[in-house]
Amino acid sequence: MRKYRVITIGEKFNKLTLLKRLQVKLVGHTRRYYGIFKCDCGEERMILLHNVARGVTKSCGCLYKISNKLNPKRYSKKNFRQDFEI
């Protein structure tokens, strides 16, 4: 059985800070732990704790918006479709 790191309230991961741990949701035989996180931009979201701890989720979505503004050609869906012929 794997032991995962315990995430405490107030702990910060990239741009997200844990405000509250939520109850476990059972999906089949798997337990899912969620938390309410506050991003540096001020938005609050419910996110899987496991994804935040692993670094999969780094923000509420504001990082994508910033990267899209800095380089719109690279991150636009139109160019993605053209590059990969979708």
PDB file of N, CA and C in Angstrom:
ATOM      1  N   MET A   1       0.832  -1.174   0.000  1.00  0.00           N
ATOM      2  CA  MET A   1       0.000   0.000   0.000  1.00  0.00           C
ATOM      3  C   MET A   1       0.884   1.247   0.000  1.00  0.00           C
ATOM      4  N   ARG A   2       0.593   2.158  -0.898  1.00  0.00           N
ATOM      5  CA  ARG A   2       1.372   3.383  -0.979  1.00  0.00           C
ATOM      6  C   ARG A   2       0.965   4.349   0.109  1.00  0.00           C
ATOM      7  N   LYS A   3       1.949   5.066   0.620  1.00  0.00           N
ATOM      8  CA  LYS A   3       1.656   6.106   1.595  1.00  0.00           C
ATOM      9  C   LYS A   3       1.936   7.446   0.939  1.00  0.00           C
ATOM     10  N   TYR A   4       0.934   8.294   0.927  1.00  0.00           N
ATOM     11  CA  TYR A   4       1.073   9.598   0.303  1.00  0.00           C
ATOM     12  C   TYR A   4       1.363  10.649   1.362  1.00  0.00           C
ATOM     13  N   ARG A   5       1.975  11.683   0.946  1.00  0.00           N
ATOM     14  CA  ARG A   5       2.320  12.801   1.800  1.00  0.00           C
ATOM     15  C   ARG A   5       1.052  13.504   2.274  1.00  0.00           C
ATOM     16  N   VAL A   6       1.007  13.840   3.541  1.00  0.00           N
ATOM     17  CA  VAL A   6      -0.155  14.537   4.101  1.00  0.00           C
ATOM     18  C   VAL A   6      -0.023  16.026   3.779  1.00  0.00           C
ATOM     19  N   ILE A   7      -1.074  16.575   3.192  1.00  0.00           N
ATOM     20  CA  ILE A   7      -1.078  17.992   2.837  1.00  0.00           C
ATOM     21  C   ILE A   7      -1.832  18.745   3.921  1.00  0.00           C
ATOM     22  N   THR A   8      -1.195  19.744   4.505  1.00  0.00           N
ATOM     23  CA  THR A   8      -1.818  20.493   5.596  1.00  0.00           C
ATOM     24  C   THR A   8      -2.442  21.784   5.086  1.00  0.00           C
ATOM     25  N   ILE A   9      -3.407  22.277   5.838  1.00  0.00           N
ATOM     26  CA  ILE A   9      -4.083  23.528   5.468  1.00  0.00           C
ATOM     27  C   ILE A   9      -3.091  24.677   5.556  1.00  0.00           C
ATOM     28  N   GLY A  10      -3.108  25.522   4.547  1.00  0.00           N
ATOM     29  CA  GLY A  10      -2.191  26.656   4.470  1.00  0.00           C
ATOM     30  C   GLY A  10      -0.935  26.361   3.664  1.00  0.00           C
ATOM     31  N   GLU A  11      -0.731  25.110   3.297  1.00  0.00           N
ATOM     32  CA  GLU A  11       0.446  24.738   2.513  1.00  0.00           C
ATOM     33  C   GLU A  11       0.288  25.227   1.077  1.00  0.00           C
ATOM     34  N   LYS A  12       1.391  25.687   0.482  1.00  0.00           N
ATOM     35  CA  LYS A  12       1.343  26.285  -0.847  1.00  0.00           C
ATOM     36  C   LYS A  12       2.048  25.394  -1.861  1.00  0.00           C
ATOM     37  N   PHE A  13       1.405  25.202  -3.003  1.00  0.00           N
ATOM     38  CA  PHE A  13       1.955  24.446  -4.124  1.00  0.00           C
ATOM     39  C   PHE A  13       1.858  25.325  -5.357  1.00  0.00           C
ATOM     40  N   ASN A  14       2.986  25.710  -5.925  1.00  0.00           N
ATOM     41  CA  ASN A  14       3.033  26.608  -7.078  1.00  0.00           C
ATOM     42  C   ASN A  14       2.199  27.858  -6.778  1.00  0.00           C
ATOM     43  N   LYS A  15       1.056  28.056  -7.435  1.00  0.00           N
ATOM     44  CA  LYS A  15       0.219  29.222  -7.183  1.00  0.00           C
ATOM     45  C   LYS A  15      -0.973  28.916  -6.286  1.00  0.00           C
ATOM     46  N   LEU A  16      -1.129  27.671  -5.838  1.00  0.00           N
ATOM     47  CA  LEU A  16      -2.301  27.244  -5.080  1.00  0.00           C
ATOM     48  C   LEU A  16      -1.997  27.087  -3.594  1.00  0.00           C
ATOM     49  N   THR A  17      -2.926  27.556  -2.755  1.00  0.00           N
ATOM     50  CA  THR A  17      -2.832  27.409  -1.303  1.00  0.00           C
ATOM     51  C   THR A  17      -4.070  26.657  -0.823  1.00  0.00           C
ATOM     52  N   LEU A  18      -3.861  25.616  -0.008  1.00  0.00           N
ATOM     53  CA  LEU A  18      -4.977  24.811   0.487  1.00  0.00           C
ATOM     54  C   LEU A  18      -5.719  25.565   1.583  1.00  0.00           C
ATOM     55  N   LEU A  19      -7.026  25.741   1.384  1.00  0.00           N
ATOM     56  CA  LEU A  19      -7.874  26.404   2.378  1.00  0.00           C
ATOM     57  C   LEU A  19      -8.637  25.395   3.229  1.00  0.00           C
ATOM     58  N   LYS A  20      -9.124  24.312   2.604  1.00  0.00           N
ATOM     59  CA  LYS A  20      -9.971  23.361   3.313  1.00  0.00           C
ATOM     60  C   LYS A  20      -9.898  22.001   2.642  1.00  0.00           C
ATOM     61  N   ARG A  21      -9.813  20.948   3.465  1.00  0.00           N
ATOM     62  CA  ARG A  21      -9.883  19.578   2.938  1.00  0.00           C
ATOM     63  C   ARG A  21     -11.339  19.141   2.927  1.00  0.00           C
ATOM     64  N   LEU A  22     -11.747  18.467   1.878  1.00  0.00           N
ATOM     65  CA  LEU A  22     -13.123  18.007   1.755  1.00  0.00           C
ATOM     66  C   LEU A  22     -13.217  16.516   2.008  1.00  0.00           C
ATOM     67  N   GLN A  23     -14.442  16.013   2.110  1.00  0.00           N
ATOM     68  CA  GLN A  23     -14.659  14.598   2.359  1.00  0.00           C
ATOM     69  C   GLN A  23     -14.199  13.768   1.168  1.00  0.00           C
ATOM     70  N   VAL A  24     -14.012  12.496   1.439  1.00  0.00           N
ATOM     71  CA  VAL A  24     -13.564  11.560   0.417  1.00  0.00           C
ATOM     72  C   VAL A  24     -14.734  11.207  -0.488  1.00  0.00           C
ATOM     73  N   LYS A  25     -14.481  11.163  -1.795  1.00  0.00           N
ATOM     74  CA  LYS A  25     -15.467  10.660  -2.743  1.00  0.00           C
ATOM     75  C   LYS A  25     -14.985   9.305  -3.222  1.00  0.00           C
ATOM     76  N   LEU A  26     -15.864   8.326  -3.171  1.00  0.00           N
ATOM     77  CA  LEU A  26     -15.511   6.995  -3.654  1.00  0.00           C
ATOM     78  C   LEU A  26     -15.910   6.870  -5.113  1.00  0.00           C
ATOM     79  N   VAL A  27     -14.947   6.535  -5.944  1.00  0.00           N
ATOM     80  CA  VAL A  27     -15.193   6.294  -7.363  1.00  0.00           C
ATOM     81  C   VAL A  27     -14.805   4.843  -7.608  1.00  0.00           C
ATOM     82  N   GLY A  28     -15.816   3.994  -7.639  1.00  0.00           N
ATOM     83  CA  GLY A  28     -15.541   2.559  -7.732  1.00  0.00           C
ATOM     84  C   GLY A  28     -14.921   2.111  -6.418  1.00  0.00           C
ATOM     85  N   HIS A  29     -13.719   1.563  -6.481  1.00  0.00           N
ATOM     86  CA  HIS A  29     -12.997   1.138  -5.279  1.00  0.00           C
ATOM     87  C   HIS A  29     -11.883   2.121  -4.921  1.00  0.00           C
ATOM     88  N   THR A  30     -11.845   3.262  -5.581  1.00  0.00           N
ATOM     89  CA  THR A  30     -10.780   4.234  -5.376  1.00  0.00           C
ATOM     90  C   THR A  30     -11.291   5.424  -4.574  1.00  0.00           C
ATOM     91  N   ARG A  31     -10.503   5.863  -3.609  1.00  0.00           N
ATOM     92  CA  ARG A  31     -10.842   7.046  -2.827  1.00  0.00           C
ATOM     93  C   ARG A  31     -10.243   8.277  -3.483  1.00  0.00           C
ATOM     94  N   ARG A  32     -11.029   9.324  -3.572  1.00  0.00           N
ATOM     95  CA  ARG A  32     -10.559  10.592  -4.145  1.00  0.00           C
ATOM     96  C   ARG A  32     -10.642  11.671  -3.071  1.00  0.00           C
ATOM     97  N   TYR A  33      -9.529  12.318  -2.790  1.00  0.00           N
ATOM     98  CA  TYR A  33      -9.480  13.376  -1.797  1.00  0.00           C
ATOM     99  C   TYR A  33      -9.442  14.724  -2.511  1.00  0.00           C
ATOM    100  N   TYR A  34     -10.375  15.594  -2.170  1.00  0.00           N
ATOM    101  CA  TYR A  34     -10.458  16.915  -2.779  1.00  0.00           C
ATOM    102  C   TYR A  34     -10.148  17.985  -1.747  1.00  0.00           C
ATOM    103  N   GLY A  35      -9.806  19.156  -2.229  1.00  0.00           N
ATOM    104  CA  GLY A  35      -9.577  20.293  -1.354  1.00  0.00           C
ATOM    105  C   GLY A  35     -10.004  21.572  -2.041  1.00  0.00           C
ATOM    106  N   ILE A  36     -10.292  22.585  -1.238  1.00  0.00           N
ATOM    107  CA  ILE A  36     -10.575  23.915  -1.772  1.00  0.00           C
ATOM    108  C   ILE A  36      -9.254  24.674  -1.758  1.00  0.00           C
ATOM    109  N   PHE A  37      -8.833  25.124  -2.919  1.00  0.00           N
ATOM    110  CA  PHE A  37      -7.573  25.849  -3.065  1.00  0.00           C
ATOM    111  C   PHE A  37      -7.844  27.278  -3.506  1.00  0.00           C
ATOM    112  N   LYS A  38      -7.002  28.197  -3.041  1.00  0.00           N
ATOM    113  CA  LYS A  38      -7.075  29.581  -3.488  1.00  0.00           C
ATOM    114  C   LYS A  38      -5.822  29.877  -4.304  1.00  0.00           C
ATOM    115  N   CYS A  39      -6.039  30.383  -5.493  1.00  0.00           N
ATOM    116  CA  CYS A  39      -4.933  30.703  -6.396  1.00  0.00           C
ATOM    117  C   CYS A  39      -4.402  32.099  -6.055  1.00  0.00           C
ATOM    118  N   ASP A  40      -3.200  32.408  -6.506  1.00  0.00           N
ATOM    119  CA  ASP A  40      -2.619  33.737  -6.287  1.00  0.00           C
ATOM    120  C   ASP A  40      -3.427  34.830  -6.971  1.00  0.00           C
ATOM    121  N   CYS A  41      -4.176  34.478  -8.011  1.00  0.00           N
ATOM    122  CA  CYS A  41      -4.987  35.474  -8.716  1.00  0.00           C
ATOM    123  C   CYS A  41      -6.281  35.781  -7.954  1.00  0.00           C
ATOM    124  N   GLY A  42      -6.608  34.981  -6.898  1.00  0.00           N
ATOM    125  CA  GLY A  42      -7.778  35.240  -6.071  1.00  0.00           C
ATOM    126  C   GLY A  42      -8.924  34.271  -6.257  1.00  0.00           C
ATOM    127  N   GLU A  43      -8.859  33.423  -7.253  1.00  0.00           N
ATOM    128  CA  GLU A  43      -9.953  32.480  -7.523  1.00  0.00           C
ATOM    129  C   GLU A  43      -9.830  31.236  -6.649  1.00  0.00           C
ATOM    130  N   GLU A  44     -10.974  30.699  -6.211  1.00  0.00           N
ATOM    131  CA  GLU A  44     -11.012  29.480  -5.412  1.00  0.00           C
ATOM    132  C   GLU A  44     -11.580  28.342  -6.253  1.00  0.00           C
ATOM    133  N   ARG A  45     -10.950  27.162  -6.142  1.00  0.00           N
ATOM    134  CA  ARG A  45     -11.372  25.994  -6.918  1.00  0.00           C
ATOM    135  C   ARG A  45     -11.302  24.735  -6.070  1.00  0.00           C
ATOM    136  N   MET A  46     -12.144  23.748  -6.409  1.00  0.00           N
ATOM    137  CA  MET A  46     -12.079  22.425  -5.805  1.00  0.00           C
ATOM    138  C   MET A  46     -11.229  21.547  -6.725  1.00  0.00           C
ATOM    139  N   ILE A  47     -10.125  21.029  -6.182  1.00  0.00           N
ATOM    140  CA  ILE A  47      -9.154  20.294  -6.989  1.00  0.00           C
ATOM    141  C   ILE A  47      -8.744  19.028  -6.235  1.00  0.00           C
ATOM    142  N   LEU A  48      -8.402  17.990  -6.983  1.00  0.00           N
ATOM    143  CA  LEU A  48      -7.889  16.760  -6.374  1.00  0.00           C
ATOM    144  C   LEU A  48      -6.559  17.044  -5.672  1.00  0.00           C
ATOM    145  N   LEU A  49      -6.443  16.620  -4.417  1.00  0.00           N
ATOM    146  CA  LEU A  49      -5.212  16.846  -3.656  1.00  0.00           C
ATOM    147  C   LEU A  49      -4.027  16.130  -4.290  1.00  0.00           C
ATOM    148  N   HIS A  50      -4.277  14.932  -4.812  1.00  0.00           N
ATOM    149  CA  HIS A  50      -3.216  14.131  -5.415  1.00  0.00           C
ATOM    150  C   HIS A  50      -2.584  14.854  -6.611  1.00  0.00           C
ATOM    151  N   ASN A  51      -3.419  15.484  -7.444  1.00  0.00           N
ATOM    152  CA  ASN A  51      -2.902  16.199  -8.611  1.00  0.00           C
ATOM    153  C   ASN A  51      -2.069  17.414  -8.222  1.00  0.00           C
ATOM    154  N   VAL A  52      -2.473  18.091  -7.173  1.00  0.00           N
ATOM    155  CA  VAL A  52      -1.726  19.269  -6.716  1.00  0.00           C
ATOM    156  C   VAL A  52      -0.392  18.842  -6.118  1.00  0.00           C
ATOM    157  N   ALA A  53      -0.398  17.793  -5.310  1.00  0.00           N
ATOM    158  CA  ALA A  53       0.829  17.311  -4.662  1.00  0.00           C
ATOM    159  C   ALA A  53       1.836  16.796  -5.690  1.00  0.00           C
ATOM    160  N   ARG A  54       1.357  16.170  -6.762  1.00  0.00           N
ATOM    161  CA  ARG A  54       2.239  15.648  -7.807  1.00  0.00           C
ATOM    162  C   ARG A  54       2.727  16.725  -8.765  1.00  0.00           C
ATOM    163  N   GLY A  55       2.055  17.887  -8.764  1.00  0.00           N
ATOM    164  CA  GLY A  55       2.457  18.962  -9.657  1.00  0.00           C
ATOM    165  C   GLY A  55       1.719  18.966 -10.974  1.00  0.00           C
ATOM    166  N   VAL A  56       0.677  18.138 -11.103  1.00  0.00           N
ATOM    167  CA  VAL A  56      -0.110  18.103 -12.335  1.00  0.00           C
ATOM    168  C   VAL A  56      -0.919  19.391 -12.466  1.00  0.00           C
ATOM    169  N   THR A  57      -1.544  19.830 -11.367  1.00  0.00           N
ATOM    170  CA  THR A  57      -2.312  21.068 -11.354  1.00  0.00           C
ATOM    171  C   THR A  57      -1.478  22.132 -10.652  1.00  0.00           C
ATOM    172  N   LYS A  58      -1.199  23.227 -11.361  1.00  0.00           N
ATOM    173  CA  LYS A  58      -0.336  24.265 -10.808  1.00  0.00           C
ATOM    174  C   LYS A  58      -1.060  25.566 -10.519  1.00  0.00           C
ATOM    175  N   SER A  59      -2.242  25.744 -11.113  1.00  0.00           N
ATOM    176  CA  SER A  59      -2.999  26.978 -10.900  1.00  0.00           C
ATOM    177  C   SER A  59      -4.470  26.704 -11.201  1.00  0.00           C
ATOM    178  N   CYS A  60      -5.278  27.753 -11.091  1.00  0.00           N
ATOM    179  CA  CYS A  60      -6.716  27.619 -11.359  1.00  0.00           C
ATOM    180  C   CYS A  60      -7.014  27.648 -12.854  1.00  0.00           C
ATOM    181  N   GLY A  61      -6.032  27.922 -13.651  1.00  0.00           N
ATOM    182  CA  GLY A  61      -6.213  28.081 -15.087  1.00  0.00           C
ATOM    183  C   GLY A  61      -5.626  29.395 -15.555  1.00  0.00           C
ATOM    184  N   CYS A  62      -5.200  30.208 -14.607  1.00  0.00           N
ATOM    185  CA  CYS A  62      -4.660  31.519 -14.958  1.00  0.00           C
ATOM    186  C   CYS A  62      -3.290  31.407 -15.635  1.00  0.00           C
ATOM    187  N   LEU A  63      -2.525  30.359 -15.362  1.00  0.00           N
ATOM    188  CA  LEU A  63      -1.234  30.186 -16.037  1.00  0.00           C
ATOM    189  C   LEU A  63      -1.424  29.959 -17.529  1.00  0.00           C
ATOM    190  N   TYR A  64      -2.459  29.211 -17.886  1.00  0.00           N
ATOM    191  CA  TYR A  64      -2.760  28.982 -19.301  1.00  0.00           C
ATOM    192  C   TYR A  64      -3.140  30.291 -19.977  1.00  0.00           C
ATOM    193  N   LYS A  65      -3.947  31.097 -19.291  1.00  0.00           N
ATOM    194  CA  LYS A  65      -4.372  32.375 -19.859  1.00  0.00           C
ATOM    195  C   LYS A  65      -3.179  33.294 -20.064  1.00  0.00           C
ATOM    196  N   ILE A  66      -2.253  33.322 -19.109  1.00  0.00           N
ATOM    197  CA  ILE A  66      -1.066  34.170 -19.216  1.00  0.00           C
ATOM    198  C   ILE A  66      -0.176  33.697 -20.358  1.00  0.00           C
ATOM    199  N   SER A  67       0.048  32.378 -20.447  1.00  0.00           N
ATOM    200  CA  SER A  67       0.911  31.851 -21.507  1.00  0.00           C
ATOM    201  C   SER A  67       0.286  32.070 -22.878  1.00  0.00           C
ATOM    202  N   ASN A  68      -1.048  32.033 -22.946  1.00  0.00           N
ATOM    203  CA  ASN A  68      -1.731  32.272 -24.211  1.00  0.00           C
ATOM    204  C   ASN A  68      -1.591  33.731 -24.639  1.00  0.00           C
ATOM    205  N   LYS A  69      -1.593  34.662 -23.686  1.00  0.00           N
ATOM    206  CA  LYS A  69      -1.415  36.074 -24.020  1.00  0.00           C
ATOM    207  C   LYS A  69       0.014  36.357 -24.474  1.00  0.00           C
ATOM    208  N   LEU A  70       0.994  35.688 -23.841  1.00  0.00           N
ATOM    209  CA  LEU A  70       2.395  35.925 -24.188  1.00  0.00           C
ATOM    210  C   LEU A  70       2.737  35.376 -25.567  1.00  0.00           C
ATOM    211  N   ASN A  71       2.170  34.236 -25.908  1.00  0.00           N
ATOM    212  CA  ASN A  71       2.486  33.608 -27.182  1.00  0.00           C
ATOM    213  C   ASN A  71       1.208  32.988 -27.766  1.00  0.00           C
ATOM    214  N   PRO A  72       0.297  33.804 -28.291  1.00  0.00           N
ATOM    215  CA  PRO A  72      -0.990  33.280 -28.743  1.00  0.00           C
ATOM    216  C   PRO A  72      -0.882  32.301 -29.909  1.00  0.00           C
ATOM    217  N   LYS A  73       0.108  32.455 -30.740  1.00  0.00           N
ATOM    218  CA  LYS A  73       0.243  31.565 -31.891  1.00  0.00           C
ATOM    219  C   LYS A  73       0.543  30.133 -31.445  1.00  0.00           C
ATOM    220  N   ARG A  74       1.335  30.009 -30.414  1.00  0.00           N
ATOM    221  CA  ARG A  74       1.742  28.689 -29.945  1.00  0.00           C
ATOM    222  C   ARG A  74       0.597  27.946 -29.248  1.00  0.00           C
ATOM    223  N   TYR A  75      -0.230  28.648 -28.490  1.00  0.00           N
ATOM    224  CA  TYR A  75      -1.237  27.990 -27.670  1.00  0.00           C
ATOM    225  C   TYR A  75      -2.654  28.045 -28.235  1.00  0.00           C
ATOM    226  N   SER A  76      -2.846  28.613 -29.400  1.00  0.00           N
ATOM    227  CA  SER A  76      -4.205  28.713 -29.925  1.00  0.00           C
ATOM    228  C   SER A  76      -4.663  27.369 -30.484  1.00  0.00           C
ATOM    229  N   LYS A  77      -5.943  27.083 -30.363  1.00  0.00           N
ATOM    230  CA  LYS A  77      -6.490  25.816 -30.841  1.00  0.00           C
ATOM    231  C   LYS A  77      -6.467  25.748 -32.364  1.00  0.00           C
ATOM    232  N   LYS A  78      -6.614  26.897 -33.026  1.00  0.00           N
ATOM    233  CA  LYS A  78      -6.616  26.934 -34.486  1.00  0.00           C
ATOM    234  C   LYS A  78      -5.284  26.420 -35.030  1.00  0.00           C
ATOM    235  N   ASN A  79      -4.180  26.917 -34.484  1.00  0.00           N
ATOM    236  CA  ASN A  79      -2.876  26.478 -34.960  1.00  0.00           C
ATOM    237  C   ASN A  79      -2.580  25.041 -34.564  1.00  0.00           C
ATOM    238  N   PHE A  80      -3.100  24.600 -33.423  1.00  0.00           N
ATOM    239  CA  PHE A  80      -2.924  23.220 -33.027  1.00  0.00           C
ATOM    240  C   PHE A  80      -3.571  22.284 -34.031  1.00  0.00           C
ATOM    241  N   ARG A  81      -4.752  22.635 -34.470  1.00  0.00           N
ATOM    242  CA  ARG A  81      -5.465  21.811 -35.469  1.00  0.00           C
ATOM    243  C   ARG A  81      -4.715  21.807 -36.791  1.00  0.00           C
ATOM    244  N   GLN A  82      -4.174  22.953 -37.189  1.00  0.00           N
ATOM    245  CA  GLN A  82      -3.448  23.019 -38.461  1.00  0.00           C
ATOM    246  C   GLN A  82      -2.157  22.217 -38.398  1.00  0.00           C
ATOM    247  N   ASP A  83      -1.439  22.322 -37.266  1.00  0.00           N
ATOM    248  CA  ASP A  83      -0.171  21.617 -37.128  1.00  0.00           C
ATOM    249  C   ASP A  83      -0.337  20.104 -37.149  1.00  0.00           C
ATOM    250  N   PHE A  84      -1.416  19.617 -36.550  1.00  0.00           N
ATOM    251  CA  PHE A  84      -1.611  18.180 -36.424  1.00  0.00           C
ATOM    252  C   PHE A  84      -2.696  17.651 -37.339  1.00  0.00           C
ATOM    253  N   GLU A  85      -3.190  18.479 -38.231  1.00  0.00           N
ATOM    254  CA  GLU A  85      -4.196  18.110 -39.236  1.00  0.00           C
ATOM    255  C   GLU A  85      -5.410  17.422 -38.632  1.00  0.00           C
ATOM    256  N   ILE A  86      -6.033  18.115 -37.669  1.00  0.00           N
ATOM    257  CA  ILE A  86      -7.229  17.572 -37.018  1.00  0.00           C
ATOM    258  C   ILE A  86      -8.449  18.133 -37.705  1.00  0.00           C
TER     259      ILE A  86
END
